[in-house]
């Protein structure tokens, strides 16, 4: 290999040190500018634009912030803004500290009244604190106890009011914990975890008698996209299993849906990541329709 070949393989090495530093600073600056642009787009511009597509009286759905990287830069928020707007609901983002630190039940009540909340959407993020259900704290990731406490209080007050609640991924797990159940750590079962961590998806079997099967109009899904290292463990006393997947993993749960007050559904996979809007995304429409009933009842 000649010296000219070596220079072409790594052009930075041929530059004087000062120019090399400037080039790398320029690359870092461009990267930061792109990240800031993405943040502004998803946090400021996109939510304002998409909300203009909704009528003023659209049902107001409480949305707790995702503490993962995708949540912090706004991609999670934008994804749910898209599917919920298509379903006719307006997302109202609530911060985990919105009810005080520590969380105050009275402030949760006041918050729901102030924001005129008609339904609740719980989404993905870090692991639920294992101390809440007797789990192993040595195999958890991105635990955010304030968010746990906030969402548990939110679930309980929303349930007391009869508001519809939908939990997705981590949201399914925190629903079960809030009602007295546990979480199953799939990281201790690598062969099972590998089936549930990927965009290629996996099949799901729905309980034919479940409200979820009634909502989606099917009892089997060939592909459900899931990205989770945990799942529902022991169901809470008032929770029923609505769907299962590979490795006997609980894929959906329900509560308060058999002629009782309210509607609570938890789904372990991500319907918003599928293009099958005619089937899987019906669950978002069901949440909004039930929230609209709550809104009309309040008038």
Protein backbone atom coordinates (compact mmCIF):
# COMPACT_ATOMS: atom_id res chain seq x y z
CA UNK A 1 0.00 0.00 0.00
CA UNK A 2 1.42 3.38 -0.99
CA UNK A 3 1.41 6.49 1.19
CA UNK A 4 -1.20 8.06 -1.09
CA UNK A 5 -3.48 5.03 -0.54
CA UNK A 6 -3.10 5.44 3.24
CA UNK A 7 -4.04 9.12 3.00
CA UNK A 8 -7.17 8.33 1.00
CA UNK A 9 -8.25 5.71 3.55
CA UNK A 10 -8.18 8.22 6.40
CA UNK A 11 -8.08 11.82 5.10
CA UNK A 12 -8.29 13.28 8.64
CA UNK A 13 -4.81 11.97 9.46
CA UNK A 14 -3.31 14.04 6.65
CA UNK A 15 -4.61 17.27 8.16
CA UNK A 16 -2.71 19.43 10.65
CA UNK A 17 -3.91 18.89 14.26
CA UNK A 18 -5.66 22.25 14.45
CA UNK A 19 -7.67 21.63 11.28
CA UNK A 20 -8.48 18.11 12.48
CA UNK A 21 -9.92 19.51 15.70
CA UNK A 22 -11.95 22.10 13.80
CA UNK A 23 -13.33 19.42 11.50
CA UNK A 24 -14.43 17.26 14.44
CA UNK A 25 -15.95 20.26 16.22
CA UNK A 26 -17.87 21.02 13.05
CA UNK A 27 -19.22 17.47 12.91
CA UNK A 28 -20.25 17.64 16.56
CA UNK A 29 -21.96 20.98 15.92
CA UNK A 30 -23.91 19.57 12.98
CA UNK A 31 -24.98 16.55 15.05
CA UNK A 32 -26.17 18.78 17.90
CA UNK A 33 -28.03 21.02 15.45
CA UNK A 34 -29.81 17.99 13.99
CA UNK A 35 -30.79 16.76 17.47
CA UNK A 36 -32.06 20.21 18.46
CA UNK A 37 -34.03 20.36 15.20
CA UNK A 38 -35.60 16.98 15.91
CA UNK A 39 -36.49 18.09 19.44
CA UNK A 40 -38.11 21.32 18.23
CA UNK A 41 -39.98 19.50 15.47
CA UNK A 42 -41.44 16.76 17.70
CA UNK A 43 -41.93 18.81 20.89
CA UNK A 44 -43.15 22.15 19.53
CA UNK A 45 -44.09 22.23 15.86
CA UNK A 46 -45.66 18.79 15.31
CA UNK A 47 -48.01 18.81 18.38
CA UNK A 48 -49.33 22.28 17.48
CA UNK A 49 -49.87 21.34 13.85
CA UNK A 50 -51.58 18.03 14.56
CA UNK A 51 -53.88 19.53 17.20
CA UNK A 52 -55.27 21.94 14.60
CA UNK A 53 -56.78 18.90 12.88
CA UNK A 54 -59.06 18.17 15.85
CA UNK A 55 -62.39 19.81 16.77
CA UNK A 56 -62.41 21.94 19.91
CA UNK A 57 -64.56 19.40 21.76
CA UNK A 58 -62.36 16.37 21.01
CA UNK A 59 -62.04 13.99 24.01
CA UNK A 60 -59.03 14.88 26.16
CA UNK A 61 -56.73 11.92 26.84
CA UNK A 62 -54.11 12.19 29.60
CA UNK A 63 -50.67 11.05 28.43
CA UNK A 64 -47.81 10.41 30.86
CA UNK A 65 -44.31 11.22 29.58
CA UNK A 66 -42.02 8.39 28.46
CA UNK A 67 -38.63 8.52 30.26
CA UNK A 68 -36.70 6.54 27.61
CA UNK A 69 -34.41 8.23 25.05
CA UNK A 70 -37.13 8.14 22.37
CA UNK A 71 -39.51 9.76 24.82
CA UNK A 72 -37.09 12.50 25.80
CA UNK A 73 -36.46 13.66 22.24
CA UNK A 74 -40.17 13.55 21.44
CA UNK A 75 -40.50 10.61 19.04
CA UNK A 76 -42.79 8.62 21.36
CA UNK A 77 -45.00 11.67 21.85
CA UNK A 78 -45.24 12.28 18.09
CA UNK A 79 -46.10 8.65 17.38
CA UNK A 80 -49.00 8.66 19.81
CA UNK A 81 -50.09 12.12 18.68
CA UNK A 82 -50.47 10.67 15.19
CA UNK A 83 -52.51 7.59 16.10
CA UNK A 84 -54.65 9.36 18.69
CA UNK A 85 -55.44 12.24 16.33
CA UNK A 86 -56.47 9.69 13.71
CA UNK A 87 -58.76 8.17 16.36
CA UNK A 88 -60.21 11.61 17.19
CA UNK A 89 -58.64 12.17 20.61
CA UNK A 90 -56.54 15.08 21.90
CA UNK A 91 -53.46 14.07 23.92
CA UNK A 92 -52.83 16.12 27.07
CA UNK A 93 -49.24 15.53 28.21
CA UNK A 94 -48.78 15.33 31.98
CA UNK A 95 -45.42 15.43 33.72
CA UNK A 96 -44.72 12.91 36.53
CA UNK A 97 -44.23 15.81 38.97
CA UNK A 98 -47.60 17.35 38.07
CA UNK A 99 -49.14 15.97 41.29
CA UNK A 100 -46.32 17.05 43.59
CA UNK A 101 -43.31 15.28 45.08
CA UNK A 102 -44.25 12.99 46.72
CA UNK A 103 -47.40 12.42 44.68
CA UNK A 104 -50.55 13.81 46.24
CA UNK A 105 -53.91 12.13 45.59
CA UNK A 106 -55.66 15.46 46.07
CA UNK A 107 -53.44 17.05 43.42
CA UNK A 108 -54.21 14.16 41.04
CA UNK A 109 -57.92 14.89 41.50
CA UNK A 110 -57.37 18.60 40.94
CA UNK A 111 -55.23 17.91 37.86
CA UNK A 112 -57.90 15.74 36.24
CA UNK A 113 -60.48 18.46 36.88
CA UNK A 114 -58.27 21.30 35.66
CA UNK A 115 -57.31 19.50 32.43
CA UNK A 116 -60.86 18.13 31.90
CA UNK A 117 -59.49 14.63 31.34
CA UNK A 118 -61.84 12.11 29.69
CA UNK A 119 -59.51 9.12 29.39
CA UNK A 120 -55.97 7.92 30.14
CA UNK A 121 -53.21 6.52 27.90
CA UNK A 122 -50.18 4.89 29.57
CA UNK A 123 -47.18 4.18 27.35
CA UNK A 124 -43.69 2.67 27.31
CA UNK A 125 -40.43 3.61 28.99
CA UNK A 126 -38.25 2.26 31.78
CA UNK A 127 -39.03 -0.64 34.11
CA UNK A 128 -41.59 -0.42 36.88
CA UNK A 129 -39.82 -0.24 40.26
CA UNK A 130 -39.57 -3.88 41.48
CA UNK A 131 -40.03 -2.69 45.06
CA UNK A 132 -43.67 -2.10 44.15
CA UNK A 133 -44.36 -5.77 43.49
CA UNK A 134 -41.59 -7.75 45.22
CA UNK A 135 -39.33 -8.14 42.17
CA UNK A 136 -35.55 -8.33 41.76
CA UNK A 137 -33.96 -4.83 41.70
CA UNK A 138 -30.71 -6.16 40.17
CA UNK A 139 -32.11 -6.76 36.69
CA UNK A 140 -34.09 -3.60 36.01
CA UNK A 141 -33.42 -0.64 33.70
CA UNK A 142 -34.40 3.05 33.68
CA UNK A 143 -36.50 2.85 36.84
CA UNK A 144 -38.29 6.17 37.49
CA UNK A 145 -40.11 5.84 40.79
CA UNK A 146 -41.78 9.26 40.60
CA UNK A 147 -43.37 8.27 37.30
CA UNK A 148 -44.50 4.95 38.84
CA UNK A 149 -46.11 6.69 41.81
CA UNK A 150 -47.73 9.29 39.57
CA UNK A 151 -49.20 6.73 37.16
CA UNK A 152 -50.43 4.43 39.93
CA UNK A 153 -52.25 7.35 41.58
CA UNK A 154 -53.55 8.42 38.15
CA UNK A 155 -54.84 4.90 37.40
CA UNK A 156 -56.60 4.59 40.74
CA UNK A 157 -58.30 7.98 40.54
CA UNK A 158 -59.25 7.51 36.87
CA UNK A 159 -60.70 4.12 37.73
CA UNK A 160 -62.68 5.61 40.61
CA UNK A 161 -64.15 8.14 38.18
CA UNK A 162 -64.95 5.49 35.57
CA UNK A 163 -62.56 6.95 32.96
CA UNK A 164 -61.39 4.57 30.23
CA UNK A 165 -57.71 3.57 30.57
CA UNK A 166 -55.43 2.03 27.93
CA UNK A 167 -51.92 0.83 28.78
CA UNK A 168 -49.31 0.04 26.11
CA UNK A 169 -46.13 -1.99 26.85
CA UNK A 170 -44.89 -0.65 30.21
CA UNK A 171 -48.38 0.85 30.55
CA UNK A 172 -49.80 -2.68 30.62
CA UNK A 173 -47.39 -3.63 33.41
CA UNK A 174 -48.04 -0.55 35.58
CA UNK A 175 -51.79 -1.16 35.23
CA UNK A 176 -51.36 -4.65 36.63
CA UNK A 177 -49.12 -3.43 39.47
CA UNK A 178 -51.52 -0.59 40.35
CA UNK A 179 -54.33 -3.13 40.72
CA UNK A 180 -52.24 -5.51 42.86
CA UNK A 181 -50.40 -7.75 40.38
CA UNK A 182 -46.72 -8.41 39.56
CA UNK A 183 -44.26 -8.12 36.68
CA UNK A 184 -42.43 -10.99 34.95
CA UNK A 185 -38.78 -10.24 34.14
CA UNK A 186 -38.04 -11.72 30.72
CA UNK A 187 -34.35 -10.81 30.97
CA UNK A 188 -34.00 -13.91 33.14
CA UNK A 189 -35.44 -15.95 30.25
CA UNK A 190 -33.26 -14.97 27.29
CA UNK A 191 -34.85 -17.48 24.92
CA UNK A 192 -38.27 -15.95 25.63
CA UNK A 193 -37.03 -12.35 25.67
CA UNK A 194 -35.54 -12.71 22.17
CA UNK A 195 -39.02 -13.48 20.83
CA UNK A 196 -40.43 -10.25 22.24
CA UNK A 197 -37.67 -7.76 21.43
CA UNK A 198 -37.77 -6.94 17.73
CA UNK A 199 -39.65 -5.16 14.98
CA UNK A 200 -40.30 -8.37 13.04
CA UNK A 201 -43.05 -9.15 15.55
CA UNK A 202 -44.66 -12.37 16.73
CA UNK A 203 -48.13 -13.97 16.75
CA UNK A 204 -50.70 -13.27 19.47
CA UNK A 205 -53.75 -15.32 20.46
CA UNK A 206 -56.68 -13.40 21.91
CA UNK A 207 -59.23 -14.80 24.35
CA UNK A 208 -62.40 -15.11 22.22
CA UNK A 209 -64.50 -13.92 25.19
CA UNK A 210 -62.40 -10.80 25.80
CA UNK A 211 -63.49 -7.25 25.10
CA UNK A 212 -60.21 -6.81 23.20
CA UNK A 213 -61.13 -9.58 20.75
CA UNK A 214 -64.54 -7.94 20.36
CA UNK A 215 -62.90 -4.56 19.71
CA UNK A 216 -60.36 -5.83 17.15
CA UNK A 217 -62.77 -8.29 15.56
CA UNK A 218 -60.19 -11.12 15.56
CA UNK A 219 -58.92 -13.86 17.88
CA UNK A 220 -55.46 -14.16 16.32
CA UNK A 221 -52.82 -11.69 15.12
CA UNK A 222 -50.07 -12.99 12.86
CA UNK A 223 -47.75 -10.09 13.71
CA UNK A 224 -47.64 -7.95 16.82
CA UNK A 225 -44.60 -5.68 17.18
CA UNK A 226 -43.18 -5.82 20.70
CA UNK A 227 -40.09 -4.30 22.33
CA UNK A 228 -40.07 -5.29 25.99
CA UNK A 229 -37.87 -6.99 28.57
CA UNK A 230 -40.73 -7.39 31.05
CA UNK A 231 -44.36 -8.43 30.93
CA UNK A 232 -47.31 -8.99 33.24
CA UNK A 233 -46.53 -11.66 35.84
CA UNK A 234 -49.22 -12.67 38.30
CA UNK A 235 -52.43 -10.90 37.25
CA UNK A 236 -54.05 -8.68 39.87
CA UNK A 237 -57.17 -10.13 41.55
CA UNK A 238 -59.57 -8.14 39.33
CA UNK A 239 -57.55 -8.57 36.15
CA UNK A 240 -58.22 -11.15 33.44
CA UNK A 241 -55.79 -12.27 30.71
CA UNK A 242 -57.06 -11.19 27.29
CA UNK A 243 -54.20 -12.42 25.07
CA UNK A 244 -51.00 -14.50 25.17
CA UNK A 245 -47.90 -14.81 22.98
CA UNK A 246 -44.78 -16.97 22.54
CA UNK A 247 -43.31 -18.33 25.78
CA UNK A 248 -46.74 -18.11 27.42
CA UNK A 249 -46.19 -14.37 27.87
CA UNK A 250 -49.26 -12.32 28.81
CA UNK A 251 -49.88 -9.99 25.87
CA UNK A 252 -53.03 -8.23 27.07
CA UNK A 253 -55.10 -7.78 30.22
CA UNK A 254 -58.52 -6.36 31.05
CA UNK A 255 -60.36 -5.09 34.10
CA UNK A 256 -63.76 -3.51 34.75
CA UNK A 257 -65.00 -4.69 31.37
CA UNK A 258 -67.61 -7.30 32.30
CA UNK A 259 -70.59 -5.07 32.97
CA UNK A 260 -68.73 -3.07 35.63
CA UNK A 261 -67.97 0.63 35.78
CA UNK A 262 -65.24 1.84 33.45
CA UNK A 263 -62.98 0.21 30.87
CA UNK A 264 -59.37 -0.82 31.51
CA UNK A 265 -57.23 -2.56 28.87
CA UNK A 266 -53.49 -3.24 28.84
CA UNK A 267 -51.61 -4.37 25.71
CA UNK A 268 -48.01 -5.55 25.86
CA UNK A 269 -47.24 -5.02 22.17
CA UNK A 270 -47.27 -1.78 20.13
CA UNK A 271 -50.33 -1.41 17.85
CA UNK A 272 -49.09 2.08 16.87
CA UNK A 273 -46.04 0.53 15.17
CA UNK A 274 -48.06 -1.57 12.75
CA UNK A 275 -49.46 -0.43 9.41
CA UNK A 276 -52.52 -2.59 10.05
CA UNK A 277 -54.74 0.35 10.96
CA UNK A 278 -57.91 -1.56 10.10
CA UNK A 279 -57.39 -4.04 12.97
CA UNK A 280 -54.82 -3.28 15.66
CA UNK A 281 -55.31 0.48 15.89
CA UNK A 282 -59.00 0.00 16.58
CA UNK A 283 -58.04 -0.12 20.25
CA UNK A 284 -57.17 3.61 20.15
CA UNK A 285 -60.50 4.40 18.53
CA UNK A 286 -62.23 2.39 21.28
CA UNK A 287 -60.44 4.43 23.97
CA UNK A 288 -61.46 7.72 22.31
CA UNK A 289 -65.07 6.63 21.76
CA UNK A 290 -65.42 5.71 25.43
CA UNK A 291 -63.74 8.96 26.47
CA UNK A 292 -66.22 10.85 24.29
CA UNK A 293 -69.07 9.20 26.20
CA UNK A 294 -67.49 10.40 29.46
CA UNK A 295 -67.18 13.91 28.03
CA UNK A 296 -70.80 14.02 26.92
CA UNK A 297 -71.94 12.70 30.29
CA UNK A 298 -70.06 15.53 32.01
CA UNK A 299 -71.98 18.24 30.08
